[in-house]
Amino acid sequence: MITLYAATSNAGKLRDFAAAAGENDVNVLPLPNLEAIPPPPEDEPTFETNARAKAIYYSRFLLGEIVVADDSGIEVDALGGKPGVRSARYAADASFMTDSAGGTDQRNNLYLLARLTGIPTNRRSARYCCVLAVARDGKCLLTAEGTVEGEILTAPRGDGGFGYDPLFYLPELGRTMAEIDLATKLCLSHRGRALRALIAAMHSHLSISL
């Protein structure tokens, strides 16, 4: 069994990775001592270049092993693809504040709703995107992408998930990402799809020893 070391401490991401990896005889573990490693700047312009840079950076702290890093977020067509790579920092970038109690996710959701004020439902198409990169000893080996298409609602629905899940509506299911059960979400997850694509690419890429 191959082991990938994920450069993230986000419980939601690790859960998505673990579910997809388990289907493919792959083990995904958190990168050891991640909390003690200064994070890289994450200032690249695309999901792929950010993922590559992070994978290369963190792989230097665990020589000989394969490190996987992701960059993911939400692209809203009516906003020209924003927030994109700035999804996690969307409200902070705009110095958006709210009187409502809540953390970063809630502020980001409220700011997205504010930016979409007046935009009709037929122009609220969006997608979750994730790019994964694997690196070993400071060299990027492969990347893979996964996406999920949906729409942005005018108000949040559901208590599950994280990030923009309460606003991200799946028309084919009639529910948001925050309303679906865990098993369904893991099947649909952009991170899960990216990891499945990555594993398939790794198995077919002869230069990567599995």
Foldseek 3Di string as FASTA:
>chain_A
DAEEAELDPDPQLQVLLQVLQVVPVYHYHHDPPSVVDDADPLPDDAFAVSQQVRQLVSQQVPAPGKYKYKQKAKFWVVVVGPPHSCLQCQCVVVVNDDPDDDDSQVSSQVVVLVVCPPPDQVRFKMKIKMKMWMDHNNGTDDIFMFMAIFGFDNDFDADADTRNQRGGADVVVRHTNRHDDPVVCSVRPRSSVRSNVVVVVLVVDVVHDD
